[in-house]
Amino acid sequence: MNWLHQLRYRPWKRDVRFLIQRITRGWDDSETFSLDYSLAKLIAPRLKRFAEVRGGYPSGMTDKEWQADLDKMVAAFEFAASNEHWMAEPKEYEKHQEGIDLFAKHFFDLWD
């Protein structure tokens, strides 16, 4: 098989495989290539909407504190879901790490 033949048919086979995976499990293997980016694209808009419609806040916190934490989480995931993060300086990652840490800390508080 020559290289032109491989170029022509290999991507097609991969596309079919990915299509079958999306149909059977709702996502395909391409999402695991950069899982952080794939997850951030899912989490960012949902977390943003949660912050807008939330009805309460965790015990031990005030409404204002909870909103501030949610804003940091949203900013972190929007950064991770953007194309900016591919070329960002380490300082930019450090800036958003707090939001990621807050997400982990409050994971079980994300219900309404």
PDB file of N, CA and C in Angstrom:
ATOM      1  N   MET A   1       0.847  -1.174   0.000  1.00  0.00           N
ATOM      2  CA  MET A   1       0.000   0.000   0.000  1.00  0.00           C
ATOM      3  C   MET A   1       0.896   1.242   0.000  1.00  0.00           C
ATOM      4  N   ASN A   2       0.691   2.159  -0.912  1.00  0.00           N
ATOM      5  CA  ASN A   2       1.548   3.343  -0.967  1.00  0.00           C
ATOM      6  C   ASN A   2       1.082   4.411   0.023  1.00  0.00           C
ATOM      7  N   TRP A   3       1.922   5.427   0.241  1.00  0.00           N
ATOM      8  CA  TRP A   3       1.639   6.450   1.242  1.00  0.00           C
ATOM      9  C   TRP A   3       0.397   7.263   0.900  1.00  0.00           C
ATOM     10  N   LEU A   4       0.145   7.498  -0.385  1.00  0.00           N
ATOM     11  CA  LEU A   4      -1.042   8.255  -0.778  1.00  0.00           C
ATOM     12  C   LEU A   4      -2.313   7.491  -0.396  1.00  0.00           C
ATOM     13  N   HIS A   5      -2.283   6.192  -0.622  1.00  0.00           N
ATOM     14  CA  HIS A   5      -3.424   5.352  -0.263  1.00  0.00           C
ATOM     15  C   HIS A   5      -3.653   5.402   1.256  1.00  0.00           C
ATOM     16  N   GLN A   6      -2.573   5.345   2.034  1.00  0.00           N
ATOM     17  CA  GLN A   6      -2.694   5.406   3.498  1.00  0.00           C
ATOM     18  C   GLN A   6      -3.269   6.744   3.947  1.00  0.00           C
ATOM     19  N   LEU A   7      -2.805   7.820   3.349  1.00  0.00           N
ATOM     20  CA  LEU A   7      -3.320   9.140   3.714  1.00  0.00           C
ATOM     21  C   LEU A   7      -4.805   9.269   3.393  1.00  0.00           C
ATOM     22  N   ARG A   8      -5.202   8.663   2.302  1.00  0.00           N
ATOM     23  CA  ARG A   8      -6.577   8.794   1.858  1.00  0.00           C
ATOM     24  C   ARG A   8      -7.547   7.989   2.726  1.00  0.00           C
ATOM     25  N   TYR A   9      -7.171   6.825   3.189  1.00  0.00           N
ATOM     26  CA  TYR A   9      -8.121   5.948   3.862  1.00  0.00           C
ATOM     27  C   TYR A   9      -7.967   5.835   5.375  1.00  0.00           C
ATOM     28  N   ARG A  10      -6.815   6.092   5.900  1.00  0.00           N
ATOM     29  CA  ARG A  10      -6.639   5.973   7.334  1.00  0.00           C
ATOM     30  C   ARG A  10      -7.511   6.944   8.131  1.00  0.00           C
ATOM     31  N   PRO A  11      -7.519   8.231   7.807  1.00  0.00           N
ATOM     32  CA  PRO A  11      -8.392   9.141   8.557  1.00  0.00           C
ATOM     33  C   PRO A  11      -9.857   8.740   8.454  1.00  0.00           C
ATOM     34  N   TRP A  12     -10.268   8.212   7.334  1.00  0.00           N
ATOM     35  CA  TRP A  12     -11.650   7.792   7.148  1.00  0.00           C
ATOM     36  C   TRP A  12     -11.988   6.660   8.117  1.00  0.00           C
ATOM     37  N   LYS A  13     -11.089   5.707   8.252  1.00  0.00           N
ATOM     38  CA  LYS A  13     -11.326   4.595   9.176  1.00  0.00           C
ATOM     39  C   LYS A  13     -11.395   5.094  10.620  1.00  0.00           C
ATOM     40  N   ARG A  14     -10.521   6.045  10.949  1.00  0.00           N
ATOM     41  CA  ARG A  14     -10.537   6.609  12.294  1.00  0.00           C
ATOM     42  C   ARG A  14     -11.849   7.347  12.542  1.00  0.00           C
ATOM     43  N   ASP A  15     -12.303   8.116  11.560  1.00  0.00           N
ATOM     44  CA  ASP A  15     -13.563   8.850  11.698  1.00  0.00           C
ATOM     45  C   ASP A  15     -14.735   7.904  11.922  1.00  0.00           C
ATOM     46  N   VAL A  16     -14.744   6.797  11.216  1.00  0.00           N
ATOM     47  CA  VAL A  16     -15.818   5.813  11.393  1.00  0.00           C
ATOM     48  C   VAL A  16     -15.739   5.205  12.791  1.00  0.00           C
ATOM     49  N   ARG A  17     -14.532   4.864  13.225  1.00  0.00           N
ATOM     50  CA  ARG A  17     -14.353   4.299  14.561  1.00  0.00           C
ATOM     51  C   ARG A  17     -14.826   5.292  15.623  1.00  0.00           C
ATOM     52  N   PHE A  18     -14.445   6.567  15.468  1.00  0.00           N
ATOM     53  CA  PHE A  18     -14.875   7.596  16.423  1.00  0.00           C
ATOM     54  C   PHE A  18     -16.391   7.771  16.387  1.00  0.00           C
ATOM     55  N   LEU A  19     -16.986   7.703  15.218  1.00  0.00           N
ATOM     56  CA  LEU A  19     -18.441   7.828  15.106  1.00  0.00           C
ATOM     57  C   LEU A  19     -19.128   6.692  15.859  1.00  0.00           C
ATOM     58  N   ILE A  20     -18.651   5.484  15.678  1.00  0.00           N
ATOM     59  CA  ILE A  20     -19.229   4.332  16.375  1.00  0.00           C
ATOM     60  C   ILE A  20     -19.070   4.495  17.886  1.00  0.00           C
ATOM     61  N   GLN A  21     -17.911   4.978  18.334  1.00  0.00           N
ATOM     62  CA  GLN A  21     -17.692   5.206  19.763  1.00  0.00           C
ATOM     63  C   GLN A  21     -18.648   6.261  20.304  1.00  0.00           C
ATOM     64  N   ARG A  22     -18.851   7.351  19.547  1.00  0.00           N
ATOM     65  CA  ARG A  22     -19.775   8.400  20.001  1.00  0.00           C
ATOM     66  C   ARG A  22     -21.205   7.883  20.091  1.00  0.00           C
ATOM     67  N   ILE A  23     -21.582   7.019  19.165  1.00  0.00           N
ATOM     68  CA  ILE A  23     -22.937   6.451  19.177  1.00  0.00           C
ATOM     69  C   ILE A  23     -23.109   5.492  20.352  1.00  0.00           C
ATOM     70  N   THR A  24     -22.112   4.655  20.603  1.00  0.00           N
ATOM     71  CA  THR A  24     -22.257   3.617  21.623  1.00  0.00           C
ATOM     72  C   THR A  24     -22.004   4.105  23.046  1.00  0.00           C
ATOM     73  N   ARG A  25     -21.063   5.074  23.215  1.00  0.00           N
ATOM     74  CA  ARG A  25     -20.771   5.496  24.590  1.00  0.00           C
ATOM     75  C   ARG A  25     -20.880   6.995  24.819  1.00  0.00           C
ATOM     76  N   GLY A  26     -21.208   7.765  23.784  1.00  0.00           N
ATOM     77  CA  GLY A  26     -21.423   9.195  23.935  1.00  0.00           C
ATOM     78  C   GLY A  26     -20.180  10.057  23.783  1.00  0.00           C
ATOM     79  N   TRP A  27     -19.036   9.466  23.618  1.00  0.00           N
ATOM     80  CA  TRP A  27     -17.777  10.183  23.390  1.00  0.00           C
ATOM     81  C   TRP A  27     -16.804   9.253  22.689  1.00  0.00           C
ATOM     82  N   ASP A  28     -15.765   9.834  22.095  1.00  0.00           N
ATOM     83  CA  ASP A  28     -14.806   8.994  21.379  1.00  0.00           C
ATOM     84  C   ASP A  28     -13.400   9.184  21.931  1.00  0.00           C
ATOM     85  N   ASP A  29     -12.503   8.327  21.492  1.00  0.00           N
ATOM     86  CA  ASP A  29     -11.137   8.314  22.009  1.00  0.00           C
ATOM     87  C   ASP A  29     -10.377   9.615  21.766  1.00  0.00           C
ATOM     88  N   SER A  30     -10.795  10.423  20.791  1.00  0.00           N
ATOM     89  CA  SER A  30     -10.087  11.676  20.537  1.00  0.00           C
ATOM     90  C   SER A  30     -10.154  12.599  21.754  1.00  0.00           C
ATOM     91  N   GLU A  31     -11.174  12.449  22.582  1.00  0.00           N
ATOM     92  CA  GLU A  31     -11.310  13.300  23.767  1.00  0.00           C
ATOM     93  C   GLU A  31     -10.283  12.969  24.836  1.00  0.00           C
ATOM     94  N   THR A  32      -9.656  11.821  24.761  1.00  0.00           N
ATOM     95  CA  THR A  32      -8.665  11.451  25.771  1.00  0.00           C
ATOM     96  C   THR A  32      -7.281  11.989  25.429  1.00  0.00           C
ATOM     97  N   PHE A  33      -7.107  12.517  24.234  1.00  0.00           N
ATOM     98  CA  PHE A  33      -5.797  13.047  23.835  1.00  0.00           C
ATOM     99  C   PHE A  33      -5.393  14.204  24.749  1.00  0.00           C
ATOM    100  N   SER A  34      -6.318  15.093  25.018  1.00  0.00           N
ATOM    101  CA  SER A  34      -6.089  16.206  25.924  1.00  0.00           C
ATOM    102  C   SER A  34      -7.284  16.262  26.869  1.00  0.00           C
ATOM    103  N   LEU A  35      -7.321  15.314  27.766  1.00  0.00           N
ATOM    104  CA  LEU A  35      -8.481  15.142  28.625  1.00  0.00           C
ATOM    105  C   LEU A  35      -8.770  16.382  29.465  1.00  0.00           C
ATOM    106  N   ASP A  36      -7.732  17.085  29.905  1.00  0.00           N
ATOM    107  CA  ASP A  36      -7.958  18.302  30.677  1.00  0.00           C
ATOM    108  C   ASP A  36      -8.775  19.316  29.877  1.00  0.00           C
ATOM    109  N   TYR A  37      -8.432  19.487  28.619  1.00  0.00           N
ATOM    110  CA  TYR A  37      -9.138  20.420  27.740  1.00  0.00           C
ATOM    111  C   TYR A  37     -10.564  19.940  27.472  1.00  0.00           C
ATOM    112  N   SER A  38     -10.720  18.652  27.204  1.00  0.00           N
ATOM    113  CA  SER A  38     -12.052  18.093  26.947  1.00  0.00           C
ATOM    114  C   SER A  38     -12.971  18.265  28.157  1.00  0.00           C
ATOM    115  N   LEU A  39     -12.455  17.976  29.337  1.00  0.00           N
ATOM    116  CA  LEU A  39     -13.268  18.124  30.545  1.00  0.00           C
ATOM    117  C   LEU A  39     -13.573  19.593  30.838  1.00  0.00           C
ATOM    118  N   ALA A  40     -12.597  20.462  30.646  1.00  0.00           N
ATOM    119  CA  ALA A  40     -12.817  21.889  30.896  1.00  0.00           C
ATOM    120  C   ALA A  40     -13.906  22.438  29.984  1.00  0.00           C
ATOM    121  N   LYS A  41     -13.936  21.977  28.727  1.00  0.00           N
ATOM    122  CA  LYS A  41     -14.988  22.433  27.804  1.00  0.00           C
ATOM    123  C   LYS A  41     -16.374  21.997  28.279  1.00  0.00           C
ATOM    124  N   LEU A  42     -16.465  20.870  28.936  1.00  0.00           N
ATOM    125  CA  LEU A  42     -17.744  20.416  29.486  1.00  0.00           C
ATOM    126  C   LEU A  42     -18.094  21.132  30.780  1.00  0.00           C
ATOM    127  N   ILE A  43     -17.120  21.292  31.650  1.00  0.00           N
ATOM    128  CA  ILE A  43     -17.363  21.833  32.976  1.00  0.00           C
ATOM    129  C   ILE A  43     -17.624  23.333  32.957  1.00  0.00           C
ATOM    130  N   ALA A  44     -16.859  24.094  32.184  1.00  0.00           N
ATOM    131  CA  ALA A  44     -16.935  25.562  32.223  1.00  0.00           C
ATOM    132  C   ALA A  44     -18.357  26.106  32.038  1.00  0.00           C
ATOM    133  N   PRO A  45     -19.076  25.749  30.977  1.00  0.00           N
ATOM    134  CA  PRO A  45     -20.409  26.335  30.819  1.00  0.00           C
ATOM    135  C   PRO A  45     -21.408  25.860  31.871  1.00  0.00           C
ATOM    136  N   ARG A  46     -21.274  24.633  32.320  1.00  0.00           N
ATOM    137  CA  ARG A  46     -22.190  24.115  33.340  1.00  0.00           C
ATOM    138  C   ARG A  46     -21.942  24.778  34.693  1.00  0.00           C
ATOM    139  N   LEU A  47     -20.677  24.967  35.020  1.00  0.00           N
ATOM    140  CA  LEU A  47     -20.319  25.622  36.276  1.00  0.00           C
ATOM    141  C   LEU A  47     -20.750  27.091  36.261  1.00  0.00           C
ATOM    142  N   LYS A  48     -20.578  27.728  35.115  1.00  0.00           N
ATOM    143  CA  LYS A  48     -21.009  29.125  34.978  1.00  0.00           C
ATOM    144  C   LYS A  48     -22.520  29.240  35.195  1.00  0.00           C
ATOM    145  N   ARG A  49     -23.272  28.343  34.588  1.00  0.00           N
ATOM    146  CA  ARG A  49     -24.731  28.369  34.755  1.00  0.00           C
ATOM    147  C   ARG A  49     -25.111  28.047  36.202  1.00  0.00           C
ATOM    148  N   PHE A  50     -24.429  27.090  36.815  1.00  0.00           N
ATOM    149  CA  PHE A  50     -24.679  26.756  38.214  1.00  0.00           C
ATOM    150  C   PHE A  50     -24.505  28.002  39.087  1.00  0.00           C
ATOM    151  N   ALA A  51     -23.452  28.781  38.834  1.00  0.00           N
ATOM    152  CA  ALA A  51     -23.200  29.991  39.616  1.00  0.00           C
ATOM    153  C   ALA A  51     -24.324  31.016  39.441  1.00  0.00           C
ATOM    154  N   GLU A  52     -24.958  31.023  38.279  1.00  0.00           N
ATOM    155  CA  GLU A  52     -26.045  31.966  38.011  1.00  0.00           C
ATOM    156  C   GLU A  52     -27.362  31.552  38.670  1.00  0.00           C
ATOM    157  N   VAL A  53     -27.645  30.265  38.725  1.00  0.00           N
ATOM    158  CA  VAL A  53     -28.963  29.808  39.191  1.00  0.00           C
ATOM    159  C   VAL A  53     -28.949  29.169  40.580  1.00  0.00           C
ATOM    160  N   ARG A  54     -27.812  29.101  41.194  1.00  0.00           N
ATOM    161  CA  ARG A  54     -27.695  28.422  42.488  1.00  0.00           C
ATOM    162  C   ARG A  54     -28.683  29.002  43.487  1.00  0.00           C
ATOM    163  N   GLY A  55     -29.110  28.157  44.393  1.00  0.00           N
ATOM    164  CA  GLY A  55     -30.107  28.579  45.362  1.00  0.00           C
ATOM    165  C   GLY A  55     -29.567  28.744  46.767  1.00  0.00           C
ATOM    166  N   GLY A  56     -28.366  28.317  47.020  1.00  0.00           N
ATOM    167  CA  GLY A  56     -27.824  28.381  48.370  1.00  0.00           C
ATOM    168  C   GLY A  56     -26.314  28.354  48.351  1.00  0.00           C
ATOM    169  N   TYR A  57     -25.752  28.040  49.490  1.00  0.00           N
ATOM    170  CA  TYR A  57     -24.299  27.983  49.627  1.00  0.00           C
ATOM    171  C   TYR A  57     -23.958  26.969  50.707  1.00  0.00           C
ATOM    172  N   PRO A  58     -22.736  26.452  50.696  1.00  0.00           N
ATOM    173  CA  PRO A  58     -22.340  25.437  51.680  1.00  0.00           C
ATOM    174  C   PRO A  58     -22.368  25.984  53.110  1.00  0.00           C
ATOM    175  N   SER A  59     -22.634  25.100  54.041  1.00  0.00           N
ATOM    176  CA  SER A  59     -22.606  25.528  55.446  1.00  0.00           C
ATOM    177  C   SER A  59     -21.179  25.951  55.795  1.00  0.00           C
ATOM    178  N   GLY A  60     -21.089  26.933  56.646  1.00  0.00           N
ATOM    179  CA  GLY A  60     -19.778  27.447  57.032  1.00  0.00           C
ATOM    180  C   GLY A  60     -19.275  28.547  56.117  1.00  0.00           C
ATOM    181  N   MET A  61     -20.060  28.887  55.102  1.00  0.00           N
ATOM    182  CA  MET A  61     -19.685  29.950  54.174  1.00  0.00           C
ATOM    183  C   MET A  61     -20.827  30.952  54.091  1.00  0.00           C
ATOM    184  N   THR A  62     -20.490  32.148  53.666  1.00  0.00           N
ATOM    185  CA  THR A  62     -21.531  33.129  53.380  1.00  0.00           C
ATOM    186  C   THR A  62     -21.846  33.069  51.890  1.00  0.00           C
ATOM    187  N   ASP A  63     -22.950  33.659  51.506  1.00  0.00           N
ATOM    188  CA  ASP A  63     -23.332  33.719  50.101  1.00  0.00           C
ATOM    189  C   ASP A  63     -22.247  34.416  49.284  1.00  0.00           C
ATOM    190  N   LYS A  64     -21.703  35.481  49.822  1.00  0.00           N
ATOM    191  CA  LYS A  64     -20.662  36.249  49.128  1.00  0.00           C
ATOM    192  C   LYS A  64     -19.382  35.419  48.945  1.00  0.00           C
ATOM    193  N   GLU A  65     -18.991  34.688  49.966  1.00  0.00           N
ATOM    194  CA  GLU A  65     -17.798  33.828  49.872  1.00  0.00           C
ATOM    195  C   GLU A  65     -17.995  32.731  48.830  1.00  0.00           C
ATOM    196  N   TRP A  66     -19.177  32.132  48.834  1.00  0.00           N
ATOM    197  CA  TRP A  66     -19.471  31.068  47.888  1.00  0.00           C
ATOM    198  C   TRP A  66     -19.444  31.604  46.456  1.00  0.00           C
ATOM    199  N   GLN A  67     -20.021  32.786  46.252  1.00  0.00           N
ATOM    200  CA  GLN A  67     -20.014  33.381  44.911  1.00  0.00           C
ATOM    201  C   GLN A  67     -18.584  33.677  44.464  1.00  0.00           C
ATOM    202  N   ALA A  68     -17.753  34.177  45.366  1.00  0.00           N
ATOM    203  CA  ALA A  68     -16.358  34.467  45.028  1.00  0.00           C
ATOM    204  C   ALA A  68     -15.618  33.182  44.638  1.00  0.00           C
ATOM    205  N   ASP A  69     -15.847  32.104  45.387  1.00  0.00           N
ATOM    206  CA  ASP A  69     -15.214  30.821  45.057  1.00  0.00           C
ATOM    207  C   ASP A  69     -15.707  30.308  43.701  1.00  0.00           C
ATOM    208  N   LEU A  70     -17.004  30.417  43.455  1.00  0.00           N
ATOM    209  CA  LEU A  70     -17.546  29.976  42.164  1.00  0.00           C
ATOM    210  C   LEU A  70     -16.962  30.784  41.013  1.00  0.00           C
ATOM    211  N   ASP A  71     -16.800  32.089  41.225  1.00  0.00           N
ATOM    212  CA  ASP A  71     -16.210  32.935  40.177  1.00  0.00           C
ATOM    213  C   ASP A  71     -14.788  32.491  39.850  1.00  0.00           C
ATOM    214  N   LYS A  72     -14.021  32.125  40.860  1.00  0.00           N
ATOM    215  CA  LYS A  72     -12.649  31.640  40.641  1.00  0.00           C
ATOM    216  C   LYS A  72     -12.664  30.308  39.900  1.00  0.00           C
ATOM    217  N   MET A  73     -13.602  29.436  40.260  1.00  0.00           N
ATOM    218  CA  MET A  73     -13.711  28.141  39.574  1.00  0.00           C
ATOM    219  C   MET A  73     -14.075  28.346  38.114  1.00  0.00           C
ATOM    220  N   VAL A  74     -15.058  29.186  37.855  1.00  0.00           N
ATOM    221  CA  VAL A  74     -15.491  29.448  36.479  1.00  0.00           C
ATOM    222  C   VAL A  74     -14.333  30.016  35.669  1.00  0.00           C
ATOM    223  N   ALA A  75     -13.621  30.996  36.221  1.00  0.00           N
ATOM    224  CA  ALA A  75     -12.487  31.596  35.508  1.00  0.00           C
ATOM    225  C   ALA A  75     -11.420  30.549  35.179  1.00  0.00           C
ATOM    226  N   ALA A  76     -11.154  29.658  36.120  1.00  0.00           N
ATOM    227  CA  ALA A  76     -10.138  28.619  35.902  1.00  0.00           C
ATOM    228  C   ALA A  76     -10.539  27.669  34.778  1.00  0.00           C
ATOM    229  N   PHE A  77     -11.797  27.233  34.782  1.00  0.00           N
ATOM    230  CA  PHE A  77     -12.229  26.291  33.745  1.00  0.00           C
ATOM    231  C   PHE A  77     -12.407  26.971  32.391  1.00  0.00           C
ATOM    232  N   GLU A  78     -12.810  28.233  32.383  1.00  0.00           N
ATOM    233  CA  GLU A  78     -12.887  28.947  31.108  1.00  0.00           C
ATOM    234  C   GLU A  78     -11.497  29.130  30.516  1.00  0.00           C
ATOM    235  N   PHE A  79     -10.513  29.403  31.367  1.00  0.00           N
ATOM    236  CA  PHE A  79      -9.128  29.496  30.906  1.00  0.00           C
ATOM    237  C   PHE A  79      -8.667  28.155  30.337  1.00  0.00           C
ATOM    238  N   ALA A  80      -8.930  27.083  31.061  1.00  0.00           N
ATOM    239  CA  ALA A  80      -8.508  25.746  30.619  1.00  0.00           C
ATOM    240  C   ALA A  80      -9.209  25.324  29.331  1.00  0.00           C
ATOM    241  N   ALA A  81     -10.422  25.828  29.104  1.00  0.00           N
ATOM    242  CA  ALA A  81     -11.184  25.477  27.903  1.00  0.00           C
ATOM    243  C   ALA A  81     -10.882  26.407  26.738  1.00  0.00           C
ATOM    244  N   SER A  82     -10.054  27.402  26.958  1.00  0.00           N
ATOM    245  CA  SER A  82      -9.738  28.359  25.902  1.00  0.00           C
ATOM    246  C   SER A  82      -8.465  27.948  25.164  1.00  0.00           C
ATOM    247  N   ASN A  83      -8.253  28.575  24.038  1.00  0.00           N
ATOM    248  CA  ASN A  83      -7.018  28.324  23.288  1.00  0.00           C
ATOM    249  C   ASN A  83      -5.837  29.071  23.906  1.00  0.00           C
ATOM    250  N   GLU A  84      -6.114  30.016  24.785  1.00  0.00           N
ATOM    251  CA  GLU A  84      -5.052  30.786  25.448  1.00  0.00           C
ATOM    252  C   GLU A  84      -4.137  29.898  26.270  1.00  0.00           C
ATOM    253  N   HIS A  85      -4.702  28.882  26.874  1.00  0.00           N
ATOM    254  CA  HIS A  85      -3.905  28.108  27.831  1.00  0.00           C
ATOM    255  C   HIS A  85      -2.792  27.302  27.168  1.00  0.00           C
ATOM    256  N   TRP A  86      -2.856  27.103  25.862  1.00  0.00           N
ATOM    257  CA  TRP A  86      -1.818  26.323  25.187  1.00  0.00           C
ATOM    258  C   TRP A  86      -0.466  27.025  25.234  1.00  0.00           C
ATOM    259  N   MET A  87      -0.488  28.350  25.210  1.00  0.00           N
ATOM    260  CA  MET A  87       0.771  29.109  25.174  1.00  0.00           C
ATOM    261  C   MET A  87       0.946  30.009  26.398  1.00  0.00           C
ATOM    262  N   ALA A  88       0.215  29.759  27.436  1.00  0.00           N
ATOM    263  CA  ALA A  88       0.256  30.626  28.618  1.00  0.00           C
ATOM    264  C   ALA A  88       1.554  30.446  29.402  1.00  0.00           C
ATOM    265  N   GLU A  89       1.906  31.502  30.079  1.00  0.00           N
ATOM    266  CA  GLU A  89       3.075  31.485  30.969  1.00  0.00           C
ATOM    267  C   GLU A  89       2.725  30.704  32.245  1.00  0.00           C
ATOM    268  N   PRO A  90       3.717  30.170  32.915  1.00  0.00           N
ATOM    269  CA  PRO A  90       3.466  29.448  34.169  1.00  0.00           C
ATOM    270  C   PRO A  90       2.691  30.272  35.199  1.00  0.00           C
ATOM    271  N   LYS A  91       2.918  31.588  35.225  1.00  0.00           N
ATOM    272  CA  LYS A  91       2.189  32.455  36.161  1.00  0.00           C
ATOM    273  C   LYS A  91       0.686  32.389  35.919  1.00  0.00           C
ATOM    274  N   GLU A  92       0.299  32.274  34.667  1.00  0.00           N
ATOM    275  CA  GLU A  92      -1.129  32.213  34.332  1.00  0.00           C
ATOM    276  C   GLU A  92      -1.746  30.915  34.867  1.00  0.00           C
ATOM    277  N   TYR A  93      -1.007  29.824  34.754  1.00  0.00           N
ATOM    278  CA  TYR A  93      -1.485  28.552  35.313  1.00  0.00           C
ATOM    279  C   TYR A  93      -1.614  28.644  36.829  1.00  0.00           C
ATOM    280  N   GLU A  94      -0.625  29.241  37.471  1.00  0.00           N
ATOM    281  CA  GLU A  94      -0.656  29.388  38.925  1.00  0.00           C
ATOM    282  C   GLU A  94      -1.858  30.223  39.359  1.00  0.00           C
ATOM    283  N   LYS A  95      -2.154  31.249  38.580  1.00  0.00           N
ATOM    284  CA  LYS A  95      -3.294  32.122  38.883  1.00  0.00           C
ATOM    285  C   LYS A  95      -4.599  31.330  38.910  1.00  0.00           C
ATOM    286  N   HIS A  96      -4.742  30.377  38.001  1.00  0.00           N
ATOM    287  CA  HIS A  96      -5.986  29.613  37.898  1.00  0.00           C
ATOM    288  C   HIS A  96      -5.991  28.333  38.730  1.00  0.00           C
ATOM    289  N   GLN A  97      -4.855  27.962  39.269  1.00  0.00           N
ATOM    290  CA  GLN A  97      -4.789  26.736  40.068  1.00  0.00           C
ATOM    291  C   GLN A  97      -5.709  26.822  41.284  1.00  0.00           C
ATOM    292  N   GLU A  98      -5.859  28.013  41.854  1.00  0.00           N
ATOM    293  CA  GLU A  98      -6.737  28.166  43.014  1.00  0.00           C
ATOM    294  C   GLU A  98      -8.170  27.763  42.668  1.00  0.00           C
ATOM    295  N   GLY A  99      -8.644  28.140  41.482  1.00  0.00           N
ATOM    296  CA  GLY A  99      -9.990  27.772  41.057  1.00  0.00           C
ATOM    297  C   GLY A  99     -10.150  26.275  40.888  1.00  0.00           C
ATOM    298  N   ILE A 100      -9.130  25.623  40.364  1.00  0.00           N
ATOM    299  CA  ILE A 100      -9.162  24.168  40.208  1.00  0.00           C
ATOM    300  C   ILE A 100      -9.168  23.502  41.587  1.00  0.00           C
ATOM    301  N   ASP A 101      -8.347  24.024  42.508  1.00  0.00           N
ATOM    302  CA  ASP A 101      -8.302  23.489  43.870  1.00  0.00           C
ATOM    303  C   ASP A 101      -9.644  23.679  44.582  1.00  0.00           C
ATOM    304  N   LEU A 102     -10.266  24.832  44.366  1.00  0.00           N
ATOM    305  CA  LEU A 102     -11.585  25.080  44.973  1.00  0.00           C
ATOM    306  C   LEU A 102     -12.635  24.130  44.407  1.00  0.00           C
ATOM    307  N   PHE A 103     -12.532  23.838  43.124  1.00  0.00           N
ATOM    308  CA  PHE A 103     -13.462  22.891  42.503  1.00  0.00           C
ATOM    309  C   PHE A 103     -13.350  21.526  43.185  1.00  0.00           C
ATOM    310  N   ALA A 104     -12.116  21.069  43.395  1.00  0.00           N
ATOM    311  CA  ALA A 104     -11.912  19.782  44.066  1.00  0.00           C
ATOM    312  C   ALA A 104     -12.418  19.842  45.510  1.00  0.00           C
ATOM    313  N   LYS A 105     -12.128  20.928  46.192  1.00  0.00           N
ATOM    314  CA  LYS A 105     -12.546  21.078  47.586  1.00  0.00           C
ATOM    315  C   LYS A 105     -14.069  21.078  47.718  1.00  0.00           C
ATOM    316  N   HIS A 106     -14.742  21.739  46.801  1.00  0.00           N
ATOM    317  CA  HIS A 106     -16.200  21.910  46.893  1.00  0.00           C
ATOM    318  C   HIS A 106     -16.973  20.998  45.944  1.00  0.00           C
ATOM    319  N   PHE A 107     -16.330  19.980  45.441  1.00  0.00           N
ATOM    320  CA  PHE A 107     -16.984  19.108  44.462  1.00  0.00           C
ATOM    321  C   PHE A 107     -18.342  18.613  44.952  1.00  0.00           C
ATOM    322  N   PHE A 108     -18.416  18.194  46.195  1.00  0.00           N
ATOM    323  CA  PHE A 108     -19.673  17.655  46.731  1.00  0.00           C
ATOM    324  C   PHE A 108     -20.651  18.746  47.185  1.00  0.00           C
ATOM    325  N   ASP A 109     -20.248  20.004  47.027  1.00  0.00           N
ATOM    326  CA  ASP A 109     -21.138  21.128  47.320  1.00  0.00           C
ATOM    327  C   ASP A 109     -21.824  21.645  46.059  1.00  0.00           C
ATOM    328  N   LEU A 110     -21.533  21.043  44.934  1.00  0.00           N
ATOM    329  CA  LEU A 110     -22.065  21.539  43.662  1.00  0.00           C
ATOM    330  C   LEU A 110     -23.428  20.911  43.368  1.00  0.00           C
ATOM    331  N   TRP A 111     -24.342  21.176  44.213  1.00  0.00           N
ATOM    332  CA  TRP A 111     -25.737  20.734  44.010  1.00  0.00           C
ATOM    333  C   TRP A 111     -26.623  21.885  44.468  1.00  0.00           C
ATOM    334  N   ASP A 112     -27.828  21.878  43.990  1.00  0.00           N
ATOM    335  CA  ASP A 112     -28.749  22.957  44.319  1.00  0.00           C
ATOM    336  C   ASP A 112     -30.042  22.415  44.849  1.00  0.00           C
TER     337      ASP A 112
END
